[in-house]
Amino acid sequence: MRVGFVANEVGIGLWRNLSMTVSVVLVTAVSLTFFGAGLLFQRQVDLLKDYWYDRVQVSMFLCGAESDAASCATGAATDQQKQTIEADLGGPELAPYVEQWFYESQQEAYDRFTEQFADSAIVENVTVEQLPESYRIRLTDPSQTDVVVAYFAGRAGVEEVDDQRDLLDGLFRFLDGARWTAWFIAGFLLLASVLLVWTTIRLAAFNRRRETGIMRLVGASKFFIQLPFMLEGIVAACLGAVIATVLLLTGERLLVRGYLAERVRVADYVGPADVFAIAPWMFAVGIVLAAVASLLSLQRYLKV
């Protein structure tokens, strides 16, 4: 009997304040969409890090005849210097850090360059002698590139040691900024949805103040009086979470799989499973905020 009464009160409350309920649902949907987008950004950044950091290399460029670096004062790298470098790369001191390495001659560098820029006029102005010899070093732990860089930097015959992780860190800082922006917007919109729930519940409580007063006088508990109002806010929040989930699934389908994955096939991307994985968090956030807003807005109407 009490369950039926509560359900009836929830239905009446939602219908009486239909326009406000729709507003709560829409604002909650938008705010939870941004919140979910922030979580998906985090997941995407993690996937990109796993993908790219596993492919991070340290590039060691050797001195050429025209190199002007301090370590190239004696001219182009000699065979003896190359042998020393290769011995160190395969030696026990760097064994915990270096997974594999390979040497690239000037001709191989030129062939790779002409292949990459085959459609550019710049190829006509580059000769084999202008491109340096190099060693490409793949690490066991990509986070420890600084160890290898410090080991070879400034050595005679080595013009430059390039850490590719520096370029990736800039990309990931940008992605992290986008994620925090999404969460910042979500925070403002969640605050707006809390205020809307607050206003809606206060309006509903004001319209039913006689009923709540009578219920208090006949001994109804505060929780029993609050429950229909709380459920109104929770129902609206859940509907908003459902819409937010649908919007994220649509965005993932159109923007990620339908656009990025077809044009930029260089990494793993978030998928429907990731959206469904964060959906419970969106429901939880929406329910908690709606419940708290409802409880706080009813305090003045629970006094006899």
C-alpha atoms as a PDB file:
ATOM      1  CA  MET A   1       0.000   0.000   0.000  1.00  0.00           C
ATOM      2  CA  ARG A   2       2.752   2.441   0.905  1.00  0.00           C
ATOM      3  CA  VAL A   3       4.649   1.568  -2.293  1.00  0.00           C
ATOM      4  CA  GLY A   4       1.578   2.375  -4.360  1.00  0.00           C
ATOM      5  CA  PHE A   5       1.057   5.638  -2.493  1.00  0.00           C
ATOM      6  CA  VAL A   6       4.669   6.720  -3.011  1.00  0.00           C
ATOM      7  CA  ALA A   7       4.577   5.801  -6.709  1.00  0.00           C
ATOM      8  CA  ASN A   8       1.340   7.747  -7.143  1.00  0.00           C
ATOM      9  CA  GLU A   9       2.815  10.808  -5.416  1.00  0.00           C
ATOM     10  CA  VAL A  10       5.915  10.652  -7.638  1.00  0.00           C
ATOM     11  CA  GLY A  11       3.761  10.496 -10.772  1.00  0.00           C
ATOM     12  CA  ILE A  12       1.610  13.411  -9.621  1.00  0.00           C
ATOM     13  CA  GLY A  13       4.658  15.497  -8.765  1.00  0.00           C
ATOM     14  CA  LEU A  14       6.341  14.891 -12.119  1.00  0.00           C
ATOM     15  CA  TRP A  15       3.158  15.692 -14.030  1.00  0.00           C
ATOM     16  CA  ARG A  16       2.311  18.844 -12.065  1.00  0.00           C
ATOM     17  CA  ASN A  17       5.744  20.314 -12.768  1.00  0.00           C
ATOM     18  CA  LEU A  18       6.183  18.853 -16.229  1.00  0.00           C
ATOM     19  CA  SER A  19       8.037  21.814 -17.740  1.00  0.00           C
ATOM     20  CA  MET A  20      10.457  21.998 -14.813  1.00  0.00           C
ATOM     21  CA  THR A  21      10.927  18.218 -14.927  1.00  0.00           C
ATOM     22  CA  VAL A  22      11.791  18.386 -18.621  1.00  0.00           C
ATOM     23  CA  SER A  23      14.271  21.167 -17.872  1.00  0.00           C
ATOM     24  CA  VAL A  24      15.907  19.082 -15.135  1.00  0.00           C
ATOM     25  CA  VAL A  25      16.141  16.072 -17.457  1.00  0.00           C
ATOM     26  CA  LEU A  26      17.703  18.091 -20.303  1.00  0.00           C
ATOM     27  CA  VAL A  27      20.193  20.018 -18.167  1.00  0.00           C
ATOM     28  CA  THR A  28      21.176  16.834 -16.333  1.00  0.00           C
ATOM     29  CA  ALA A  29      21.589  15.053 -19.676  1.00  0.00           C
ATOM     30  CA  VAL A  30      23.899  17.754 -21.027  1.00  0.00           C
ATOM     31  CA  SER A  31      25.955  17.990 -17.826  1.00  0.00           C
ATOM     32  CA  LEU A  32      26.335  14.208 -17.546  1.00  0.00           C
ATOM     33  CA  THR A  33      27.288  14.066 -21.231  1.00  0.00           C
ATOM     34  CA  PHE A  34      30.209  16.418 -20.545  1.00  0.00           C
ATOM     35  CA  PHE A  35      31.074  14.452 -17.416  1.00  0.00           C
ATOM     36  CA  GLY A  36      31.064  11.213 -19.405  1.00  0.00           C
ATOM     37  CA  ALA A  37      33.077  12.869 -22.174  1.00  0.00           C
ATOM     38  CA  GLY A  38      35.717  13.745 -19.596  1.00  0.00           C
ATOM     39  CA  LEU A  39      35.889  10.101 -18.515  1.00  0.00           C
ATOM     40  CA  LEU A  40      36.126   8.988 -22.152  1.00  0.00           C
ATOM     41  CA  PHE A  41      38.895  11.523 -22.755  1.00  0.00           C
ATOM     42  CA  GLN A  42      40.792   9.990 -19.856  1.00  0.00           C
ATOM     43  CA  ARG A  43      40.307   6.520 -21.292  1.00  0.00           C
ATOM     44  CA  GLN A  44      41.409   7.694 -24.744  1.00  0.00           C
ATOM     45  CA  VAL A  45      44.523   9.355 -23.360  1.00  0.00           C
ATOM     46  CA  ASP A  46      45.418   6.097 -21.573  1.00  0.00           C
ATOM     47  CA  LEU A  47      44.948   4.137 -24.804  1.00  0.00           C
ATOM     48  CA  LEU A  48      47.090   6.594 -26.760  1.00  0.00           C
ATOM     49  CA  LYS A  49      49.816   6.461 -24.133  1.00  0.00           C
ATOM     50  CA  ASP A  50      49.830   2.666 -24.214  1.00  0.00           C
ATOM     51  CA  TYR A  51      49.986   2.739 -28.019  1.00  0.00           C
ATOM     52  CA  TRP A  52      52.576   5.459 -28.571  1.00  0.00           C
ATOM     53  CA  TYR A  53      54.832   4.950 -25.573  1.00  0.00           C
ATOM     54  CA  ASP A  54      55.323   1.340 -26.656  1.00  0.00           C
ATOM     55  CA  ARG A  55      56.663   2.748 -29.942  1.00  0.00           C
ATOM     56  CA  VAL A  56      58.852   5.465 -28.484  1.00  0.00           C
ATOM     57  CA  GLN A  57      62.407   5.434 -29.794  1.00  0.00           C
ATOM     58  CA  VAL A  58      65.544   7.351 -29.019  1.00  0.00           C
ATOM     59  CA  SER A  59      67.210   8.579 -32.207  1.00  0.00           C
ATOM     60  CA  MET A  60      70.969   9.111 -32.019  1.00  0.00           C
ATOM     61  CA  PHE A  61      72.306  11.164 -34.936  1.00  0.00           C
ATOM     62  CA  LEU A  62      76.000  10.873 -35.711  1.00  0.00           C
ATOM     63  CA  CYS A  63      78.331  13.688 -36.686  1.00  0.00           C
ATOM     64  CA  GLY A  64      78.645  14.489 -40.377  1.00  0.00           C
ATOM     65  CA  ALA A  65      81.321  16.314 -42.258  1.00  0.00           C
ATOM     66  CA  GLU A  66      79.559  19.658 -41.823  1.00  0.00           C
ATOM     67  CA  SER A  67      78.219  19.208 -38.270  1.00  0.00           C
ATOM     68  CA  ASP A  68      78.943  22.160 -36.007  1.00  0.00           C
ATOM     69  CA  ALA A  69      78.107  20.599 -32.608  1.00  0.00           C
ATOM     70  CA  ALA A  70      80.838  20.663 -29.950  1.00  0.00           C
ATOM     71  CA  SER A  71      80.994  16.871 -29.956  1.00  0.00           C
ATOM     72  CA  CYS A  72      81.720  16.954 -33.705  1.00  0.00           C
ATOM     73  CA  ALA A  73      84.912  19.013 -33.480  1.00  0.00           C
ATOM     74  CA  THR A  74      86.973  16.176 -34.980  1.00  0.00           C
ATOM     75  CA  GLY A  75      84.656  15.823 -38.007  1.00  0.00           C
ATOM     76  CA  ALA A  76      82.413  12.992 -39.119  1.00  0.00           C
ATOM     77  CA  ALA A  77      81.934  10.002 -36.833  1.00  0.00           C
ATOM     78  CA  THR A  78      84.663   7.426 -37.287  1.00  0.00           C
ATOM     79  CA  ASP A  79      84.315   3.667 -37.535  1.00  0.00           C
ATOM     80  CA  GLN A  80      85.967   3.360 -34.123  1.00  0.00           C
ATOM     81  CA  GLN A  81      83.383   5.690 -32.553  1.00  0.00           C
ATOM     82  CA  LYS A  82      80.555   3.697 -34.147  1.00  0.00           C
ATOM     83  CA  GLN A  83      81.973   0.453 -32.832  1.00  0.00           C
ATOM     84  CA  THR A  84      82.181   1.929 -29.327  1.00  0.00           C
ATOM     85  CA  ILE A  85      78.564   3.122 -29.524  1.00  0.00           C
ATOM     86  CA  GLU A  86      77.373  -0.288 -30.724  1.00  0.00           C
ATOM     87  CA  ALA A  87      79.333  -2.031 -27.990  1.00  0.00           C
ATOM     88  CA  ASP A  88      77.670   0.182 -25.379  1.00  0.00           C
ATOM     89  CA  LEU A  89      74.211  -0.379 -26.874  1.00  0.00           C
ATOM     90  CA  GLY A  90      74.696  -4.120 -26.598  1.00  0.00           C
ATOM     91  CA  GLY A  91      76.610  -3.998 -23.326  1.00  0.00           C
ATOM     92  CA  PRO A  92      75.480  -5.015 -19.837  1.00  0.00           C
ATOM     93  CA  GLU A  93      75.156  -1.448 -18.520  1.00  0.00           C
ATOM     94  CA  LEU A  94      72.336  -0.557 -20.924  1.00  0.00           C
ATOM     95  CA  ALA A  95      70.875  -4.064 -21.164  1.00  0.00           C
ATOM     96  CA  PRO A  96      68.027  -3.295 -18.686  1.00  0.00           C
ATOM     97  CA  TYR A  97      66.974  -0.298 -20.791  1.00  0.00           C
ATOM     98  CA  VAL A  98      67.602  -1.163 -24.454  1.00  0.00           C
ATOM     99  CA  GLU A  99      65.273  -3.694 -26.036  1.00  0.00           C
ATOM    100  CA  GLN A 100      66.699  -3.456 -29.553  1.00  0.00           C
ATOM    101  CA  TRP A 101      68.525  -1.049 -31.833  1.00  0.00           C
ATOM    102  CA  PHE A 102      69.456  -0.706 -35.477  1.00  0.00           C
ATOM    103  CA  TYR A 103      71.822   1.402 -37.537  1.00  0.00           C
ATOM    104  CA  GLU A 104      70.600   3.617 -40.392  1.00  0.00           C
ATOM    105  CA  SER A 105      73.124   4.721 -43.001  1.00  0.00           C
ATOM    106  CA  GLN A 106      72.961   7.976 -44.954  1.00  0.00           C
ATOM    107  CA  GLN A 107      71.621   6.128 -48.001  1.00  0.00           C
ATOM    108  CA  GLU A 108      68.912   4.401 -45.937  1.00  0.00           C
ATOM    109  CA  ALA A 109      67.989   7.749 -44.368  1.00  0.00           C
ATOM    110  CA  TYR A 110      67.758   9.282 -47.833  1.00  0.00           C
ATOM    111  CA  ASP A 111      65.586   6.445 -49.154  1.00  0.00           C
ATOM    112  CA  ARG A 112      63.216   6.800 -46.184  1.00  0.00           C
ATOM    113  CA  PHE A 113      63.129  10.578 -46.611  1.00  0.00           C
ATOM    114  CA  THR A 114      62.273  10.404 -50.323  1.00  0.00           C
ATOM    115  CA  GLU A 115      59.561   7.840 -49.594  1.00  0.00           C
ATOM    116  CA  GLN A 116      57.966  10.003 -46.914  1.00  0.00           C
ATOM    117  CA  PHE A 117      58.087  13.202 -48.999  1.00  0.00           C
ATOM    118  CA  ALA A 118      57.608  11.667 -52.430  1.00  0.00           C
ATOM    119  CA  ASP A 119      55.021  14.303 -53.407  1.00  0.00           C
ATOM    120  CA  SER A 120      57.022  17.286 -52.168  1.00  0.00           C
ATOM    121  CA  ALA A 121      59.462  19.438 -54.127  1.00  0.00           C
ATOM    122  CA  ILE A 122      61.796  19.474 -51.123  1.00  0.00           C
ATOM    123  CA  VAL A 123      63.169  16.077 -52.212  1.00  0.00           C
ATOM    124  CA  GLU A 124      64.950  17.728 -55.150  1.00  0.00           C
ATOM    125  CA  ASN A 125      67.006  19.905 -52.776  1.00  0.00           C
ATOM    126  CA  VAL A 126      68.221  17.121 -50.472  1.00  0.00           C
ATOM    127  CA  THR A 127      71.222  14.907 -51.154  1.00  0.00           C
ATOM    128  CA  VAL A 128      72.434  11.729 -49.477  1.00  0.00           C
ATOM    129  CA  GLU A 129      75.396  13.547 -47.906  1.00  0.00           C
ATOM    130  CA  GLN A 130      73.112  16.027 -46.120  1.00  0.00           C
ATOM    131  CA  LEU A 131      71.347  13.352 -44.065  1.00  0.00           C
ATOM    132  CA  PRO A 132      73.143  11.980 -41.004  1.00  0.00           C
ATOM    133  CA  GLU A 133      73.821   8.415 -40.024  1.00  0.00           C
ATOM    134  CA  SER A 134      71.845   7.394 -36.971  1.00  0.00           C
ATOM    135  CA  TYR A 135      70.981   4.700 -34.474  1.00  0.00           C
ATOM    136  CA  ARG A 136      67.330   3.993 -33.625  1.00  0.00           C
ATOM    137  CA  ILE A 137      66.965   2.654 -30.101  1.00  0.00           C
ATOM    138  CA  ARG A 138      63.833   0.933 -28.814  1.00  0.00           C
ATOM    139  CA  LEU A 139      63.545   0.831 -25.034  1.00  0.00           C
ATOM    140  CA  THR A 140      62.313  -1.836 -22.657  1.00  0.00           C
ATOM    141  CA  ASP A 141      60.607   0.848 -20.550  1.00  0.00           C
ATOM    142  CA  PRO A 142      59.686   3.934 -22.655  1.00  0.00           C
ATOM    143  CA  SER A 143      59.488   6.082 -19.504  1.00  0.00           C
ATOM    144  CA  GLN A 144      63.278   5.767 -19.048  1.00  0.00           C
ATOM    145  CA  THR A 145      64.403   7.440 -22.271  1.00  0.00           C
ATOM    146  CA  ASP A 146      66.294  10.030 -20.221  1.00  0.00           C
ATOM    147  CA  VAL A 147      68.762   7.323 -19.106  1.00  0.00           C
ATOM    148  CA  VAL A 148      69.809   6.535 -22.683  1.00  0.00           C
ATOM    149  CA  VAL A 149      69.784  10.199 -23.716  1.00  0.00           C
ATOM    150  CA  ALA A 150      72.076  11.154 -20.834  1.00  0.00           C
ATOM    151  CA  TYR A 151      74.377   8.194 -21.565  1.00  0.00           C
ATOM    152  CA  PHE A 152      75.154   9.254 -25.136  1.00  0.00           C
ATOM    153  CA  ALA A 153      74.561  13.032 -25.127  1.00  0.00           C
ATOM    154  CA  GLY A 154      77.748  15.012 -25.799  1.00  0.00           C
ATOM    155  CA  ARG A 155      79.803  11.944 -26.705  1.00  0.00           C
ATOM    156  CA  ALA A 156      82.421  12.368 -29.443  1.00  0.00           C
ATOM    157  CA  GLY A 157      80.912  11.419 -32.791  1.00  0.00           C
ATOM    158  CA  VAL A 158      77.316  11.985 -31.614  1.00  0.00           C
ATOM    159  CA  GLU A 159      75.755  15.208 -32.890  1.00  0.00           C
ATOM    160  CA  GLU A 160      72.349  14.897 -31.202  1.00  0.00           C
ATOM    161  CA  VAL A 161      70.279  12.438 -29.170  1.00  0.00           C
ATOM    162  CA  ASP A 162      66.578  12.953 -29.808  1.00  0.00           C
ATOM    163  CA  ASP A 163      63.979  11.799 -27.274  1.00  0.00           C
ATOM    164  CA  GLN A 164      60.684  11.227 -29.132  1.00  0.00           C
ATOM    165  CA  ARG A 165      58.772  11.163 -25.851  1.00  0.00           C
ATOM    166  CA  ASP A 166      59.115  14.965 -25.608  1.00  0.00           C
ATOM    167  CA  LEU A 167      56.886  15.331 -28.675  1.00  0.00           C
ATOM    168  CA  LEU A 168      54.316  12.897 -27.280  1.00  0.00           C
ATOM    169  CA  ASP A 169      54.240  14.624 -23.903  1.00  0.00           C
ATOM    170  CA  GLY A 170      53.091  17.812 -25.637  1.00  0.00           C
ATOM    171  CA  LEU A 171      50.273  15.899 -27.337  1.00  0.00           C
ATOM    172  CA  PHE A 172      49.171  14.306 -24.082  1.00  0.00           C
ATOM    173  CA  ARG A 173      49.247  17.649 -22.268  1.00  0.00           C
ATOM    174  CA  PHE A 174      46.878  18.986 -24.923  1.00  0.00           C
ATOM    175  CA  LEU A 175      44.563  15.991 -24.540  1.00  0.00           C
ATOM    176  CA  ASP A 176      44.629  16.318 -20.759  1.00  0.00           C
ATOM    177  CA  GLY A 177      43.689  19.983 -21.163  1.00  0.00           C
ATOM    178  CA  ALA A 178      40.731  19.013 -23.336  1.00  0.00           C
ATOM    179  CA  ARG A 179      39.650  16.470 -20.722  1.00  0.00           C
ATOM    180  CA  TRP A 180      39.826  19.009 -17.891  1.00  0.00           C
ATOM    181  CA  THR A 181      37.899  21.504 -20.020  1.00  0.00           C
ATOM    182  CA  ALA A 182      35.121  18.946 -20.484  1.00  0.00           C
ATOM    183  CA  TRP A 183      35.021  18.310 -16.738  1.00  0.00           C
ATOM    184  CA  PHE A 184      35.071  22.035 -15.983  1.00  0.00           C
ATOM    185  CA  ILE A 185      32.024  22.577 -18.205  1.00  0.00           C
ATOM    186  CA  ALA A 186      30.398  19.498 -16.696  1.00  0.00           C
ATOM    187  CA  GLY A 187      30.899  20.932 -13.203  1.00  0.00           C
ATOM    188  CA  PHE A 188      29.035  24.131 -14.063  1.00  0.00           C
ATOM    189  CA  LEU A 189      26.226  22.225 -15.755  1.00  0.00           C
ATOM    190  CA  LEU A 190      25.938  19.776 -12.867  1.00  0.00           C
ATOM    191  CA  LEU A 191      25.616  22.762 -10.529  1.00  0.00           C
ATOM    192  CA  ALA A 192      22.875  24.114 -12.791  1.00  0.00           C
ATOM    193  CA  SER A 193      21.063  20.781 -12.693  1.00  0.00           C
ATOM    194  CA  VAL A 194      21.314  20.696  -8.876  1.00  0.00           C
ATOM    195  CA  LEU A 195      19.768  24.173  -8.697  1.00  0.00           C
ATOM    196  CA  LEU A 196      16.996  23.097 -11.065  1.00  0.00           C
ATOM    197  CA  VAL A 197      16.264  20.011  -8.965  1.00  0.00           C
ATOM    198  CA  TRP A 198      16.279  22.234  -5.876  1.00  0.00           C
ATOM    199  CA  THR A 199      13.813  24.651  -7.473  1.00  0.00           C
ATOM    200  CA  THR A 200      11.586  21.888  -8.819  1.00  0.00           C
ATOM    201  CA  ILE A 201      11.347  20.065  -5.490  1.00  0.00           C
ATOM    202  CA  ARG A 202      10.729  23.287  -3.560  1.00  0.00           C
ATOM    203  CA  LEU A 203       7.933  24.179  -5.988  1.00  0.00           C
ATOM    204  CA  ALA A 204       6.421  20.724  -5.643  1.00  0.00           C
ATOM    205  CA  ALA A 205       6.716  20.886  -1.834  1.00  0.00           C
ATOM    206  CA  PHE A 206       5.103  24.343  -1.795  1.00  0.00           C
ATOM    207  CA  ASN A 207       2.173  23.116  -3.901  1.00  0.00           C
ATOM    208  CA  ARG A 208       1.708  20.176  -1.547  1.00  0.00           C
ATOM    209  CA  ARG A 209       2.498  21.910   1.722  1.00  0.00           C
ATOM    210  CA  ARG A 210      -0.965  21.205   3.160  1.00  0.00           C
ATOM    211  CA  GLU A 211      -0.617  17.474   2.480  1.00  0.00           C
ATOM    212  CA  THR A 212       2.876  17.326   3.989  1.00  0.00           C
ATOM    213  CA  GLY A 213       1.694  19.300   7.024  1.00  0.00           C
ATOM    214  CA  ILE A 214      -1.167  16.884   7.614  1.00  0.00           C
ATOM    215  CA  MET A 215       1.148  13.903   7.205  1.00  0.00           C
ATOM    216  CA  ARG A 216       3.512  15.340   9.836  1.00  0.00           C
ATOM    217  CA  LEU A 217       0.622  15.951  12.234  1.00  0.00           C
ATOM    218  CA  VAL A 218      -0.623  12.346  11.923  1.00  0.00           C
ATOM    219  CA  GLY A 219       2.837  10.989  12.695  1.00  0.00           C
ATOM    220  CA  ALA A 220       4.355  10.256   9.278  1.00  0.00           C
ATOM    221  CA  SER A 221       8.153  10.070   9.413  1.00  0.00           C
ATOM    222  CA  LYS A 222      10.324  12.650   7.724  1.00  0.00           C
ATOM    223  CA  PHE A 223      11.774  10.023   5.416  1.00  0.00           C
ATOM    224  CA  PHE A 224       8.327   8.874   4.277  1.00  0.00           C
ATOM    225  CA  ILE A 225       7.388  12.478   3.489  1.00  0.00           C
ATOM    226  CA  GLN A 226      10.688  13.153   1.703  1.00  0.00           C
ATOM    227  CA  LEU A 227      10.747   9.941  -0.312  1.00  0.00           C
ATOM    228  CA  PRO A 228       8.294  10.938  -3.110  1.00  0.00           C
ATOM    229  CA  PHE A 229      10.136  14.237  -3.638  1.00  0.00           C
ATOM    230  CA  MET A 230      13.521  12.507  -3.673  1.00  0.00           C
ATOM    231  CA  LEU A 231      12.276   9.944  -6.170  1.00  0.00           C
ATOM    232  CA  GLU A 232      11.041  12.708  -8.459  1.00  0.00           C
ATOM    233  CA  GLY A 233      14.517  14.165  -8.626  1.00  0.00           C
ATOM    234  CA  ILE A 234      16.113  10.736  -8.998  1.00  0.00           C
ATOM    235  CA  VAL A 235      13.754   9.758 -11.821  1.00  0.00           C
ATOM    236  CA  ALA A 236      14.579  12.978 -13.659  1.00  0.00           C
ATOM    237  CA  ALA A 237      18.322  12.397 -13.102  1.00  0.00           C
ATOM    238  CA  CYS A 238      18.089   8.813 -14.365  1.00  0.00           C
ATOM    239  CA  LEU A 239      16.283   9.949 -17.490  1.00  0.00           C
ATOM    240  CA  GLY A 240      19.035  12.505 -18.006  1.00  0.00           C
ATOM    241  CA  ALA A 241      21.674   9.788 -17.565  1.00  0.00           C
ATOM    242  CA  VAL A 242      19.919   7.608 -20.149  1.00  0.00           C
ATOM    243  CA  ILE A 243      19.928  10.483 -22.644  1.00  0.00           C
ATOM    244  CA  ALA A 244      23.604  11.218 -21.850  1.00  0.00           C
ATOM    245  CA  THR A 245      24.504   7.570 -22.502  1.00  0.00           C
ATOM    246  CA  VAL A 246      22.688   7.621 -25.835  1.00  0.00           C
ATOM    247  CA  LEU A 247      24.431  10.877 -26.808  1.00  0.00           C
ATOM    248  CA  LEU A 248      27.859   9.447 -25.948  1.00  0.00           C
ATOM    249  CA  LEU A 249      27.140   6.250 -27.880  1.00  0.00           C
ATOM    250  CA  THR A 250      26.048   8.328 -30.866  1.00  0.00           C
ATOM    251  CA  GLY A 251      29.130  10.533 -30.618  1.00  0.00           C
ATOM    252  CA  GLU A 252      31.395   7.490 -30.338  1.00  0.00           C
ATOM    253  CA  ARG A 253      29.751   5.941 -33.395  1.00  0.00           C
ATOM    254  CA  LEU A 254      29.825   9.043 -35.600  1.00  0.00           C
ATOM    255  CA  LEU A 255      32.964  10.879 -34.458  1.00  0.00           C
ATOM    256  CA  VAL A 256      35.278   8.120 -33.289  1.00  0.00           C
ATOM    257  CA  ARG A 257      34.467   5.043 -35.347  1.00  0.00           C
ATOM    258  CA  GLY A 258      32.837   6.932 -38.218  1.00  0.00           C
ATOM    259  CA  TYR A 259      35.451   9.678 -38.606  1.00  0.00           C
ATOM    260  CA  LEU A 260      38.700   9.303 -36.656  1.00  0.00           C
ATOM    261  CA  ALA A 261      39.112   5.550 -36.996  1.00  0.00           C
ATOM    262  CA  GLU A 262      38.634   5.729 -40.773  1.00  0.00           C
ATOM    263  CA  ARG A 263      41.015   8.651 -41.324  1.00  0.00           C
ATOM    264  CA  VAL A 264      43.629   8.295 -38.575  1.00  0.00           C
ATOM    265  CA  ARG A 265      44.430   4.608 -38.217  1.00  0.00           C
ATOM    266  CA  VAL A 266      47.362   4.962 -35.889  1.00  0.00           C
ATOM    267  CA  ALA A 267      45.972   4.103 -32.473  1.00  0.00           C
ATOM    268  CA  ASP A 268      43.312   2.276 -30.529  1.00  0.00           C
ATOM    269  CA  TYR A 269      40.145   4.244 -29.869  1.00  0.00           C
ATOM    270  CA  VAL A 270      37.419   4.120 -27.266  1.00  0.00           C
ATOM    271  CA  GLY A 271      34.405   2.012 -28.186  1.00  0.00           C
ATOM    272  CA  PRO A 272      30.857   1.216 -27.040  1.00  0.00           C
ATOM    273  CA  ALA A 273      32.231  -0.959 -24.230  1.00  0.00           C
ATOM    274  CA  ASP A 274      33.981   2.094 -22.767  1.00  0.00           C
ATOM    275  CA  VAL A 275      30.756   4.107 -22.899  1.00  0.00           C
ATOM    276  CA  PHE A 276      28.833   1.368 -21.109  1.00  0.00           C
ATOM    277  CA  ALA A 277      31.656   1.106 -18.573  1.00  0.00           C
ATOM    278  CA  ILE A 278      31.261   4.772 -17.551  1.00  0.00           C
ATOM    279  CA  ALA A 279      27.445   4.776 -17.724  1.00  0.00           C
ATOM    280  CA  PRO A 280      27.058   3.547 -14.095  1.00  0.00           C
ATOM    281  CA  TRP A 281      29.208   6.485 -12.952  1.00  0.00           C
ATOM    282  CA  MET A 282      26.917   8.920 -14.750  1.00  0.00           C
ATOM    283  CA  PHE A 283      23.853   7.339 -13.153  1.00  0.00           C
ATOM    284  CA  ALA A 284      25.520   7.383  -9.731  1.00  0.00           C
ATOM    285  CA  VAL A 285      26.512  11.054  -9.994  1.00  0.00           C
ATOM    286  CA  GLY A 286      23.063  12.066 -11.212  1.00  0.00           C
ATOM    287  CA  ILE A 287      21.263  10.107  -8.474  1.00  0.00           C
ATOM    288  CA  VAL A 288      23.475  11.402  -5.652  1.00  0.00           C
ATOM    289  CA  LEU A 289      23.180  15.038  -6.739  1.00  0.00           C
ATOM    290  CA  ALA A 290      19.407  14.765  -7.185  1.00  0.00           C
ATOM    291  CA  ALA A 291      18.952  13.063  -3.804  1.00  0.00           C
ATOM    292  CA  VAL A 292      21.090  15.609  -1.947  1.00  0.00           C
ATOM    293  CA  ALA A 293      19.385  18.566  -3.646  1.00  0.00           C
ATOM    294  CA  SER A 294      15.973  17.107  -2.808  1.00  0.00           C
ATOM    295  CA  LEU A 295      16.813  16.536   0.856  1.00  0.00           C
ATOM    296  CA  LEU A 296      18.197  20.024   1.355  1.00  0.00           C
ATOM    297  CA  SER A 297      15.293  21.750  -0.396  1.00  0.00           C
ATOM    298  CA  LEU A 298      12.650  20.087   1.818  1.00  0.00           C
ATOM    299  CA  GLN A 299      13.916  21.105   5.248  1.00  0.00           C
ATOM    300  CA  ARG A 300      11.591  24.066   5.785  1.00  0.00           C
ATOM    301  CA  TYR A 301       8.509  22.028   4.834  1.00  0.00           C
ATOM    302  CA  LEU A 302       9.160  19.295   7.386  1.00  0.00           C
ATOM    303  CA  LYS A 303       8.566  21.527  10.400  1.00  0.00           C
ATOM    304  CA  VAL A 304       5.166  21.309  12.045  1.00  0.00           C
END
